[in-house]
Structures are given as structure tokens and as C-alpha cells.
Amino acid sequence: MGTPVVACPSCGTKNRVPVAAKGHPRCPKCQTDLPWVVDAGDADFATAVDTSALVIVDLWAPWCGPCRMVAPILDRISSEFAGRVKIVKVNVDESPMTAQRYEARSIPMMLFMRGGDVVNTVVGAQPEHVMRTLVEGELRSGRGVS
């Protein structure tokens, strides 16, 4: 899976964002925090969720209508909470081991993770205000941060 490129919301500079990093991506030109949305699969899942930021894992499939409704919500959340939230998208059809590990029987399924541990799970498409409230709650609680 390739390295995603995002435009800086502040200056417009195109930047590559890493799948894995200990910190969080920033624009080298203006130092603005960048939205962090990456694809991961069975092979790189562990490194993709290994970060100090709150990670939302989106277990999805291309044929799933509700999954396609959730995707733009997660994109907006990644922009709004840039520097504090990372979105990791996992296609369950291409990553059966990850789907099985987290018992993804219904999708979309979002796992909220800190330090590699699941701190909350949401199954099914949720409205944007519900997802935003969940993210804000997890950021306030800081559960699982070492």
C-alpha cells in the first residue's frame, strides 16, 4: 500500500504521510498538523496502530453502503482533530486475519485504540455528531496512554 499524499490545510503544500510513525505528521513548510488517514492490511496493521495518537480503525469493505457513508465522516474528523487522531482503514476482504482478530462480523466497525489496545468499539454507521462526540470523549479521557 502506497504512502498517502495530503494537501496541507493551511498552506496547500502536498505532503506524504507515513503509515507508521511515533509522532504525527506535520507540514514541513508551515508546521501545521496534517490529517492522518492511511490504509493498512494484515501485514502492516500492528505498525500502523503503534502511535501515541488516538487511532480509529475503520474496518470496512468496498461493497458496503454504510461503510461508504462513514468514510467522509472519518475524513472530516481526521482534519478537525489533526495531530491528535489517526484513521487507519482496513479492508476486511483483503485483511481477513485482522477482521477475525477483532471479530468484525458486522461492518462498518470502528475500533478506538490507544497504545495498541482497543478502548471503545462502534458497530454500524453513526451520524457525524455521534462520532465527533465519541472522539472528543476519548481525547478527554486519555485512556490507555502510557
C-alpha atoms as a PDB file:
ATOM      1  CA  MET A   1       0.000   0.000   0.000  1.00  0.00           C
ATOM      2  CA  GLY A   2       1.441   3.334  -1.032  1.00  0.00           C
ATOM      3  CA  THR A   3       2.212   6.331   1.099  1.00  0.00           C
ATOM      4  CA  PRO A   4      -0.780   8.700   1.040  1.00  0.00           C
ATOM      5  CA  VAL A   5      -0.341  12.311  -0.066  1.00  0.00           C
ATOM      6  CA  VAL A   6      -2.394  15.069   1.583  1.00  0.00           C
ATOM      7  CA  ALA A   7      -2.541  18.773   0.940  1.00  0.00           C
ATOM      8  CA  CYS A   8      -1.760  20.921   3.972  1.00  0.00           C
ATOM      9  CA  PRO A   9      -4.998  22.582   5.132  1.00  0.00           C
ATOM     10  CA  SER A  10      -3.045  25.755   5.907  1.00  0.00           C
ATOM     11  CA  CYS A  11      -0.643  26.346   3.012  1.00  0.00           C
ATOM     12  CA  GLY A  12      -1.719  23.779   0.400  1.00  0.00           C
ATOM     13  CA  THR A  13       1.677  22.069   0.171  1.00  0.00           C
ATOM     14  CA  LYS A  14       1.389  18.399  -0.823  1.00  0.00           C
ATOM     15  CA  ASN A  15       2.869  16.094   1.799  1.00  0.00           C
ATOM     16  CA  ARG A  16       3.374  12.361   2.117  1.00  0.00           C
ATOM     17  CA  VAL A  17       2.021  10.984   5.381  1.00  0.00           C
ATOM     18  CA  PRO A  18       3.588   7.807   6.756  1.00  0.00           C
ATOM     19  CA  VAL A  19       1.616   4.685   7.554  1.00  0.00           C
ATOM     20  CA  ALA A  20       3.659   4.336  10.744  1.00  0.00           C
ATOM     21  CA  ALA A  21       5.339   6.973  12.889  1.00  0.00           C
ATOM     22  CA  LYS A  22       5.831   7.600  16.596  1.00  0.00           C
ATOM     23  CA  GLY A  23       4.707  11.226  16.424  1.00  0.00           C
ATOM     24  CA  HIS A  24       2.232  12.710  13.981  1.00  0.00           C
ATOM     25  CA  PRO A  25       2.664  14.247  10.522  1.00  0.00           C
ATOM     26  CA  ARG A  26       3.239  17.969  10.143  1.00  0.00           C
ATOM     27  CA  CYS A  27       3.699  20.103   7.084  1.00  0.00           C
ATOM     28  CA  PRO A  28       7.434  20.788   6.739  1.00  0.00           C
ATOM     29  CA  LYS A  29       6.702  24.164   5.175  1.00  0.00           C
ATOM     30  CA  CYS A  30       4.339  25.731   7.762  1.00  0.00           C
ATOM     31  CA  GLN A  31       4.400  23.182  10.647  1.00  0.00           C
ATOM     32  CA  THR A  32       0.598  22.686  10.599  1.00  0.00           C
ATOM     33  CA  ASP A  33      -0.642  19.293  11.840  1.00  0.00           C
ATOM     34  CA  LEU A  34      -1.806  17.182   8.889  1.00  0.00           C
ATOM     35  CA  PRO A  35      -4.844  14.901   8.676  1.00  0.00           C
ATOM     36  CA  TRP A  36      -3.616  11.325   9.087  1.00  0.00           C
ATOM     37  CA  VAL A  37      -5.629   8.741   7.144  1.00  0.00           C
ATOM     38  CA  VAL A  38      -3.851   5.585   5.998  1.00  0.00           C
ATOM     39  CA  ASP A  39      -4.693   2.167   4.626  1.00  0.00           C
ATOM     40  CA  ALA A  40      -3.360  -0.891   6.425  1.00  0.00           C
ATOM     41  CA  GLY A  41      -3.633  -4.622   5.995  1.00  0.00           C
ATOM     42  CA  ASP A  42      -2.737  -7.780   7.846  1.00  0.00           C
ATOM     43  CA  ALA A  43       0.986  -7.297   7.207  1.00  0.00           C
ATOM     44  CA  ASP A  44       1.327  -3.714   8.474  1.00  0.00           C
ATOM     45  CA  PHE A  45      -1.597  -3.335  10.882  1.00  0.00           C
ATOM     46  CA  ALA A  46       0.484  -3.543  14.075  1.00  0.00           C
ATOM     47  CA  THR A  47       2.872  -0.807  12.951  1.00  0.00           C
ATOM     48  CA  ALA A  48       0.006   1.363  11.658  1.00  0.00           C
ATOM     49  CA  VAL A  49      -1.693   1.471  15.078  1.00  0.00           C
ATOM     50  CA  ASP A  50       1.573   1.892  17.011  1.00  0.00           C
ATOM     51  CA  THR A  51       1.385   5.607  17.782  1.00  0.00           C
ATOM     52  CA  SER A  52       0.691   7.880  20.738  1.00  0.00           C
ATOM     53  CA  ALA A  53      -2.274   9.456  18.917  1.00  0.00           C
ATOM     54  CA  LEU A  54      -5.826   8.175  19.327  1.00  0.00           C
ATOM     55  CA  VAL A  55      -6.320   5.675  16.491  1.00  0.00           C
ATOM     56  CA  ILE A  56      -9.685   4.975  14.893  1.00  0.00           C
ATOM     57  CA  VAL A  57      -9.545   1.742  12.922  1.00  0.00           C
ATOM     58  CA  ASP A  58     -12.230   1.627  10.234  1.00  0.00           C
ATOM     59  CA  LEU A  59     -13.000  -1.999   9.343  1.00  0.00           C
ATOM     60  CA  TRP A  60     -14.821  -1.693   6.032  1.00  0.00           C
ATOM     61  CA  ALA A  61     -15.421  -3.238   2.595  1.00  0.00           C
ATOM     62  CA  PRO A  62     -15.902  -1.577  -0.808  1.00  0.00           C
ATOM     63  CA  TRP A  63     -19.295  -3.271  -1.355  1.00  0.00           C
ATOM     64  CA  CYS A  64     -20.688  -1.974   1.977  1.00  0.00           C
ATOM     65  CA  GLY A  65     -23.018   1.028   1.546  1.00  0.00           C
ATOM     66  CA  PRO A  66     -22.897   2.149   5.198  1.00  0.00           C
ATOM     67  CA  CYS A  67     -19.076   1.935   5.051  1.00  0.00           C
ATOM     68  CA  ARG A  68     -19.091   4.419   2.169  1.00  0.00           C
ATOM     69  CA  MET A  69     -21.276   6.740   4.282  1.00  0.00           C
ATOM     70  CA  VAL A  70     -18.816   6.621   7.200  1.00  0.00           C
ATOM     71  CA  ALA A  71     -15.683   7.291   5.110  1.00  0.00           C
ATOM     72  CA  PRO A  72     -16.237  11.052   4.543  1.00  0.00           C
ATOM     73  CA  ILE A  73     -17.159  11.484   8.221  1.00  0.00           C
ATOM     74  CA  LEU A  74     -13.845   9.936   9.249  1.00  0.00           C
ATOM     75  CA  ASP A  75     -12.016  12.133   6.721  1.00  0.00           C
ATOM     76  CA  ARG A  76     -13.562  15.250   8.296  1.00  0.00           C
ATOM     77  CA  ILE A  77     -12.719  14.003  11.790  1.00  0.00           C
ATOM     78  CA  SER A  78      -9.101  13.439  10.739  1.00  0.00           C
ATOM     79  CA  SER A  79      -8.929  17.052   9.541  1.00  0.00           C
ATOM     80  CA  GLU A  80     -10.691  18.515  12.562  1.00  0.00           C
ATOM     81  CA  PHE A  81      -8.555  16.591  15.049  1.00  0.00           C
ATOM     82  CA  ALA A  82      -5.285  16.654  13.047  1.00  0.00           C
ATOM     83  CA  GLY A  83      -2.313  15.907  15.263  1.00  0.00           C
ATOM     84  CA  ARG A  84      -4.459  14.065  17.805  1.00  0.00           C
ATOM     85  CA  VAL A  85      -6.301  11.395  15.774  1.00  0.00           C
ATOM     86  CA  LYS A  86      -5.127   8.877  13.196  1.00  0.00           C
ATOM     87  CA  ILE A  87      -7.564   6.988  10.960  1.00  0.00           C
ATOM     88  CA  VAL A  88      -6.457   3.506   9.860  1.00  0.00           C
ATOM     89  CA  LYS A  89      -8.666   1.985   7.158  1.00  0.00           C
ATOM     90  CA  VAL A  90      -8.672  -1.819   6.903  1.00  0.00           C
ATOM     91  CA  ASN A  91     -10.478  -3.532   4.021  1.00  0.00           C
ATOM     92  CA  VAL A  92     -11.834  -6.700   5.665  1.00  0.00           C
ATOM     93  CA  ASP A  93     -11.949  -8.559   2.341  1.00  0.00           C
ATOM     94  CA  GLU A  94      -8.207  -8.021   1.850  1.00  0.00           C
ATOM     95  CA  SER A  95      -7.259  -8.413   5.535  1.00  0.00           C
ATOM     96  CA  PRO A  96      -9.133 -11.434   6.896  1.00  0.00           C
ATOM     97  CA  MET A  97      -6.735 -12.019   9.818  1.00  0.00           C
ATOM     98  CA  THR A  98      -7.265  -8.506  11.202  1.00  0.00           C
ATOM     99  CA  ALA A  99     -11.031  -8.799  10.708  1.00  0.00           C
ATOM    100  CA  GLN A 100     -11.057 -12.133  12.521  1.00  0.00           C
ATOM    101  CA  ARG A 101      -8.821 -10.877  15.351  1.00  0.00           C
ATOM    102  CA  TYR A 102     -11.284  -8.075  16.155  1.00  0.00           C
ATOM    103  CA  GLU A 103     -14.366 -10.213  15.423  1.00  0.00           C
ATOM    104  CA  ALA A 104     -15.663  -7.936  12.672  1.00  0.00           C
ATOM    105  CA  ARG A 105     -18.938  -9.706  11.976  1.00  0.00           C
ATOM    106  CA  SER A 106     -20.768  -6.500  11.034  1.00  0.00           C
ATOM    107  CA  ILE A 107     -19.278  -3.546   9.207  1.00  0.00           C
ATOM    108  CA  PRO A 108     -18.584  -0.744   9.336  1.00  0.00           C
ATOM    109  CA  MET A 109     -16.876  -1.328  12.650  1.00  0.00           C
ATOM    110  CA  MET A 110     -14.709   1.345  14.214  1.00  0.00           C
ATOM    111  CA  LEU A 111     -12.155   0.469  16.880  1.00  0.00           C
ATOM    112  CA  PHE A 112     -10.871   3.296  19.051  1.00  0.00           C
ATOM    113  CA  MET A 113      -7.327   2.371  20.078  1.00  0.00           C
ATOM    114  CA  ARG A 114      -4.645   3.795  22.341  1.00  0.00           C
ATOM    115  CA  GLY A 115      -1.245   2.187  22.634  1.00  0.00           C
ATOM    116  CA  GLY A 116      -2.421  -0.750  20.537  1.00  0.00           C
ATOM    117  CA  ASP A 117      -5.312  -1.534  22.898  1.00  0.00           C
ATOM    118  CA  VAL A 118      -8.996  -1.223  21.989  1.00  0.00           C
ATOM    119  CA  VAL A 119     -10.676   1.305  24.315  1.00  0.00           C
ATOM    120  CA  ASN A 120     -14.031   1.538  22.513  1.00  0.00           C
ATOM    121  CA  THR A 121     -15.875  -0.155  19.641  1.00  0.00           C
ATOM    122  CA  VAL A 122     -18.641   1.224  17.437  1.00  0.00           C
ATOM    123  CA  VAL A 123     -20.541  -1.071  15.080  1.00  0.00           C
ATOM    124  CA  GLY A 124     -22.638   0.369  12.282  1.00  0.00           C
ATOM    125  CA  ALA A 125     -22.760   3.732  10.555  1.00  0.00           C
ATOM    126  CA  GLN A 126     -23.172   6.561  13.041  1.00  0.00           C
ATOM    127  CA  PRO A 127     -24.059  10.202  12.367  1.00  0.00           C
ATOM    128  CA  GLU A 128     -21.181  12.648  12.327  1.00  0.00           C
ATOM    129  CA  HIS A 129     -22.167  14.322  15.595  1.00  0.00           C
ATOM    130  CA  VAL A 130     -22.120  10.940  17.376  1.00  0.00           C
ATOM    131  CA  MET A 131     -18.659  10.092  16.016  1.00  0.00           C
ATOM    132  CA  ARG A 132     -17.353  13.543  16.928  1.00  0.00           C
ATOM    133  CA  THR A 133     -18.713  13.194  20.484  1.00  0.00           C
ATOM    134  CA  LEU A 134     -17.054   9.776  20.843  1.00  0.00           C
ATOM    135  CA  VAL A 135     -13.718  11.160  19.611  1.00  0.00           C
ATOM    136  CA  GLU A 136     -13.909  14.151  21.951  1.00  0.00           C
ATOM    137  CA  GLY A 137     -14.710  11.843  24.872  1.00  0.00           C
ATOM    138  CA  GLU A 138     -11.761   9.571  24.124  1.00  0.00           C
ATOM    139  CA  LEU A 139      -9.402  12.530  23.729  1.00  0.00           C
ATOM    140  CA  ARG A 140     -10.571  13.963  27.079  1.00  0.00           C
ATOM    141  CA  SER A 141     -10.253  10.645  28.898  1.00  0.00           C
ATOM    142  CA  GLY A 142      -6.801   9.839  27.540  1.00  0.00           C
ATOM    143  CA  ARG A 143      -7.373   6.195  28.482  1.00  0.00           C
ATOM    144  CA  GLY A 144      -4.545   3.831  27.815  1.00  0.00           C
ATOM    145  CA  VAL A 145      -1.877   6.496  27.367  1.00  0.00           C
ATOM    146  CA  SER A 146       1.421   5.471  28.912  1.00  0.00           C
END
